[in-house]
């Protein structure tokens, strides 16, 4: 059974708004703020990281589901565009996820089903963000 607890340590680097996170799997992730917020623009912003993680979470679901369905998937990218609330906490209020799935003779209904299953059942990140944001999605299939 998969461990339900996840641990991460985030440390301020001592100046500006630069932080480094160390994940439970031992990986490092740098984050920084914009210059107008006291940062030096050395790494992605925390909210950019959250948006990127959501795209990776969903894309990995889509690839895994398509492979299990016997589809010859050779690429998957997700372009995410988000709007945030004007007042703090500036949560995401609207997210548009555009999937571009590449493969040979992909069945459109299986690709659409994989994206739907990611959103409705598997992707923890998009499930959390859906509590505050309207999430829209589009799918494009590219032969090759």
C-alpha atoms as a PDB file:
ATOM      1  CA  UNK A   1       0.000   0.000   0.000  1.00  0.00           C
ATOM      2  CA  UNK A   2       1.309   3.436  -0.930  1.00  0.00           C
ATOM      3  CA  UNK A   3       2.419   5.679   1.929  1.00  0.00           C
ATOM      4  CA  UNK A   4      -0.188   8.374   2.522  1.00  0.00           C
ATOM      5  CA  UNK A   5       2.185  10.755   4.289  1.00  0.00           C
ATOM      6  CA  UNK A   6       4.505  12.967   2.278  1.00  0.00           C
ATOM      7  CA  UNK A   7       7.263  15.060   3.786  1.00  0.00           C
ATOM      8  CA  UNK A   8       9.071  18.063   2.379  1.00  0.00           C
ATOM      9  CA  UNK A   9      11.387  20.574   4.020  1.00  0.00           C
ATOM     10  CA  UNK A  10      11.573  24.128   2.661  1.00  0.00           C
ATOM     11  CA  UNK A  11      14.475  26.348   3.714  1.00  0.00           C
ATOM     12  CA  UNK A  12      14.993  30.045   3.187  1.00  0.00           C
ATOM     13  CA  UNK A  13      18.438  30.654   1.709  1.00  0.00           C
ATOM     14  CA  UNK A  14      19.066  33.642   3.972  1.00  0.00           C
ATOM     15  CA  UNK A  15      18.438  36.563   1.658  1.00  0.00           C
ATOM     16  CA  UNK A  16      15.731  37.837  -0.635  1.00  0.00           C
ATOM     17  CA  UNK A  17      12.919  35.401  -1.297  1.00  0.00           C
ATOM     18  CA  UNK A  18      14.984  32.388  -2.396  1.00  0.00           C
ATOM     19  CA  UNK A  19      14.016  29.006  -0.961  1.00  0.00           C
ATOM     20  CA  UNK A  20      15.072  25.438  -1.567  1.00  0.00           C
ATOM     21  CA  UNK A  21      12.788  22.480  -0.919  1.00  0.00           C
ATOM     22  CA  UNK A  22      14.098  19.000  -0.199  1.00  0.00           C
ATOM     23  CA  UNK A  23      11.552  16.321  -0.966  1.00  0.00           C
ATOM     24  CA  UNK A  24      11.068  12.983   0.751  1.00  0.00           C
ATOM     25  CA  UNK A  25      12.682  11.297  -2.256  1.00  0.00           C
ATOM     26  CA  UNK A  26      15.811  13.406  -1.693  1.00  0.00           C
ATOM     27  CA  UNK A  27      15.410  15.850  -4.566  1.00  0.00           C
ATOM     28  CA  UNK A  28      15.965  19.592  -4.421  1.00  0.00           C
ATOM     29  CA  UNK A  29      13.645  22.228  -5.857  1.00  0.00           C
ATOM     30  CA  UNK A  30      14.580  25.899  -5.925  1.00  0.00           C
ATOM     31  CA  UNK A  31      11.989  28.694  -5.795  1.00  0.00           C
ATOM     32  CA  UNK A  32      12.351  32.476  -5.746  1.00  0.00           C
ATOM     33  CA  UNK A  33      10.225  35.588  -5.799  1.00  0.00           C
ATOM     34  CA  UNK A  34       9.922  38.385  -8.289  1.00  0.00           C
ATOM     35  CA  UNK A  35      12.223  41.395  -7.743  1.00  0.00           C
ATOM     36  CA  UNK A  36       9.244  43.588  -6.782  1.00  0.00           C
ATOM     37  CA  UNK A  37       8.509  41.080  -3.985  1.00  0.00           C
ATOM     38  CA  UNK A  38      12.086  41.029  -2.696  1.00  0.00           C
ATOM     39  CA  UNK A  39      13.288  38.119  -4.810  1.00  0.00           C
ATOM     40  CA  UNK A  40      16.101  37.900  -7.333  1.00  0.00           C
ATOM     41  CA  UNK A  41      14.180  35.989 -10.015  1.00  0.00           C
ATOM     42  CA  UNK A  42      16.595  33.035  -9.772  1.00  0.00           C
ATOM     43  CA  UNK A  43      13.997  30.251  -9.918  1.00  0.00           C
ATOM     44  CA  UNK A  44      10.291  29.666 -10.508  1.00  0.00           C
ATOM     45  CA  UNK A  45       7.772  31.266  -8.183  1.00  0.00           C
ATOM     46  CA  UNK A  46       6.006  28.904  -5.759  1.00  0.00           C
ATOM     47  CA  UNK A  47       2.672  29.303  -7.594  1.00  0.00           C
ATOM     48  CA  UNK A  48       4.373  28.582 -10.942  1.00  0.00           C
ATOM     49  CA  UNK A  49       5.746  25.425  -9.360  1.00  0.00           C
ATOM     50  CA  UNK A  50       2.263  24.437  -8.203  1.00  0.00           C
ATOM     51  CA  UNK A  51       0.865  24.950 -11.704  1.00  0.00           C
ATOM     52  CA  UNK A  52       3.735  22.980 -13.286  1.00  0.00           C
ATOM     53  CA  UNK A  53       3.263  20.138 -10.798  1.00  0.00           C
ATOM     54  CA  UNK A  54      -0.421  19.975 -11.728  1.00  0.00           C
ATOM     55  CA  UNK A  55       0.455  19.643 -15.402  1.00  0.00           C
ATOM     56  CA  UNK A  56       3.031  16.926 -14.687  1.00  0.00           C
ATOM     57  CA  UNK A  57       0.622  15.051 -12.414  1.00  0.00           C
ATOM     58  CA  UNK A  58      -2.095  14.977 -15.052  1.00  0.00           C
ATOM     59  CA  UNK A  59       0.218  14.302 -18.008  1.00  0.00           C
ATOM     60  CA  UNK A  60       1.746  11.307 -16.225  1.00  0.00           C
ATOM     61  CA  UNK A  61      -1.758   9.925 -15.648  1.00  0.00           C
ATOM     62  CA  UNK A  62      -2.650  10.391 -19.318  1.00  0.00           C
ATOM     63  CA  UNK A  63       0.512   8.647 -20.543  1.00  0.00           C
ATOM     64  CA  UNK A  64       0.087   5.746 -18.093  1.00  0.00           C
ATOM     65  CA  UNK A  65      -3.596   5.258 -18.962  1.00  0.00           C
ATOM     66  CA  UNK A  66      -2.927   5.353 -22.707  1.00  0.00           C
ATOM     67  CA  UNK A  67      -0.064   2.866 -22.424  1.00  0.00           C
ATOM     68  CA  UNK A  68      -2.270   0.512 -20.376  1.00  0.00           C
ATOM     69  CA  UNK A  69      -4.911   0.892 -23.111  1.00  0.00           C
ATOM     70  CA  UNK A  70      -2.409  -0.347 -25.692  1.00  0.00           C
ATOM     71  CA  UNK A  71      -2.038   3.031 -27.389  1.00  0.00           C
ATOM     72  CA  UNK A  72       1.262   3.976 -29.071  1.00  0.00           C
ATOM     73  CA  UNK A  73       1.737   7.308 -27.308  1.00  0.00           C
ATOM     74  CA  UNK A  74       5.025   9.064 -28.126  1.00  0.00           C
ATOM     75  CA  UNK A  75       4.479  12.479 -26.553  1.00  0.00           C
ATOM     76  CA  UNK A  76       2.277  14.413 -24.188  1.00  0.00           C
ATOM     77  CA  UNK A  77       2.457  18.063 -23.270  1.00  0.00           C
ATOM     78  CA  UNK A  78       0.095  20.208 -21.291  1.00  0.00           C
ATOM     79  CA  UNK A  79      -0.012  23.985 -21.644  1.00  0.00           C
ATOM     80  CA  UNK A  80      -1.525  25.545 -18.535  1.00  0.00           C
ATOM     81  CA  UNK A  81      -2.852  29.085 -18.258  1.00  0.00           C
ATOM     82  CA  UNK A  82      -4.213  30.308 -14.955  1.00  0.00           C
ATOM     83  CA  UNK A  83      -5.950  33.326 -13.483  1.00  0.00           C
ATOM     84  CA  UNK A  84      -5.573  34.267  -9.838  1.00  0.00           C
ATOM     85  CA  UNK A  85      -7.812  36.095  -7.399  1.00  0.00           C
ATOM     86  CA  UNK A  86      -7.036  39.806  -7.001  1.00  0.00           C
ATOM     87  CA  UNK A  87      -7.087  39.733  -3.191  1.00  0.00           C
ATOM     88  CA  UNK A  88      -5.012  37.539  -0.864  1.00  0.00           C
ATOM     89  CA  UNK A  89      -4.814  34.643  -0.706  1.00  0.00           C
ATOM     90  CA  UNK A  90      -4.373  34.937  -4.471  1.00  0.00           C
ATOM     91  CA  UNK A  91      -5.624  31.437  -5.249  1.00  0.00           C
ATOM     92  CA  UNK A  92      -6.070  30.186  -8.778  1.00  0.00           C
ATOM     93  CA  UNK A  93      -9.643  30.908  -9.858  1.00  0.00           C
ATOM     94  CA  UNK A  94      -9.514  29.620 -13.423  1.00  0.00           C
ATOM     95  CA  UNK A  95      -7.136  27.165 -15.082  1.00  0.00           C
ATOM     96  CA  UNK A  96      -7.118  26.163 -18.736  1.00  0.00           C
ATOM     97  CA  UNK A  97      -5.259  22.909 -19.521  1.00  0.00           C
ATOM     98  CA  UNK A  98      -4.516  22.213 -23.183  1.00  0.00           C
ATOM     99  CA  UNK A  99      -3.248  18.700 -23.839  1.00  0.00           C
ATOM    100  CA  UNK A 100      -1.291  17.836 -26.972  1.00  0.00           C
ATOM    101  CA  UNK A 101      -0.946  14.066 -27.200  1.00  0.00           C
ATOM    102  CA  UNK A 102       1.229  12.571 -29.926  1.00  0.00           C
ATOM    103  CA  UNK A 103       1.244   8.988 -31.130  1.00  0.00           C
ATOM    104  CA  UNK A 104       0.526   6.536 -33.896  1.00  0.00           C
ATOM    105  CA  UNK A 105      -3.129   5.832 -34.662  1.00  0.00           C
ATOM    106  CA  UNK A 106      -4.310   7.096 -31.274  1.00  0.00           C
ATOM    107  CA  UNK A 107      -8.001   6.499 -30.691  1.00  0.00           C
ATOM    108  CA  UNK A 108      -9.591   9.874 -29.850  1.00  0.00           C
ATOM    109  CA  UNK A 109     -12.115   8.340 -27.452  1.00  0.00           C
ATOM    110  CA  UNK A 110      -9.302   6.708 -25.434  1.00  0.00           C
ATOM    111  CA  UNK A 111      -7.307   9.941 -25.311  1.00  0.00           C
ATOM    112  CA  UNK A 112     -10.371  11.889 -24.137  1.00  0.00           C
ATOM    113  CA  UNK A 113     -11.110   9.156 -21.574  1.00  0.00           C
ATOM    114  CA  UNK A 114      -7.520   9.282 -20.249  1.00  0.00           C
ATOM    115  CA  UNK A 115      -7.749  13.056 -19.738  1.00  0.00           C
ATOM    116  CA  UNK A 116     -11.160  12.734 -18.100  1.00  0.00           C
ATOM    117  CA  UNK A 117      -9.972   9.955 -15.764  1.00  0.00           C
ATOM    118  CA  UNK A 118      -6.962  12.006 -14.770  1.00  0.00           C
ATOM    119  CA  UNK A 119      -9.217  14.880 -13.730  1.00  0.00           C
ATOM    120  CA  UNK A 120     -12.023  12.865 -12.193  1.00  0.00           C
ATOM    121  CA  UNK A 121     -10.109  10.081 -10.467  1.00  0.00           C
ATOM    122  CA  UNK A 122      -6.312  10.145 -10.408  1.00  0.00           C
ATOM    123  CA  UNK A 123      -4.641  13.580 -10.390  1.00  0.00           C
ATOM    124  CA  UNK A 124      -4.404  14.744  -6.779  1.00  0.00           C
ATOM    125  CA  UNK A 125      -3.082  18.167  -7.764  1.00  0.00           C
ATOM    126  CA  UNK A 126      -5.936  19.079 -10.100  1.00  0.00           C
ATOM    127  CA  UNK A 127      -8.460  17.670  -7.601  1.00  0.00           C
ATOM    128  CA  UNK A 128      -7.135  20.064  -4.936  1.00  0.00           C
ATOM    129  CA  UNK A 129      -7.047  23.046  -7.272  1.00  0.00           C
ATOM    130  CA  UNK A 130     -10.584  22.308  -8.466  1.00  0.00           C
ATOM    131  CA  UNK A 131     -11.739  23.312  -4.958  1.00  0.00           C
ATOM    132  CA  UNK A 132     -10.968  26.960  -5.790  1.00  0.00           C
ATOM    133  CA  UNK A 133     -10.570  27.083  -9.570  1.00  0.00           C
ATOM    134  CA  UNK A 134     -12.714  26.326 -12.560  1.00  0.00           C
ATOM    135  CA  UNK A 135     -10.588  23.918 -14.609  1.00  0.00           C
ATOM    136  CA  UNK A 136     -11.186  23.687 -18.334  1.00  0.00           C
ATOM    137  CA  UNK A 137      -9.466  21.297 -20.663  1.00  0.00           C
ATOM    138  CA  UNK A 138      -8.877  20.851 -24.377  1.00  0.00           C
ATOM    139  CA  UNK A 139      -7.311  17.919 -26.179  1.00  0.00           C
ATOM    140  CA  UNK A 140      -5.381  17.900 -29.443  1.00  0.00           C
ATOM    141  CA  UNK A 141      -4.154  14.655 -30.980  1.00  0.00           C
ATOM    142  CA  UNK A 142      -1.093  14.761 -33.224  1.00  0.00           C
ATOM    143  CA  UNK A 143      -0.167  11.836 -35.460  1.00  0.00           C
ATOM    144  CA  UNK A 144       3.425  10.698 -35.218  1.00  0.00           C
END
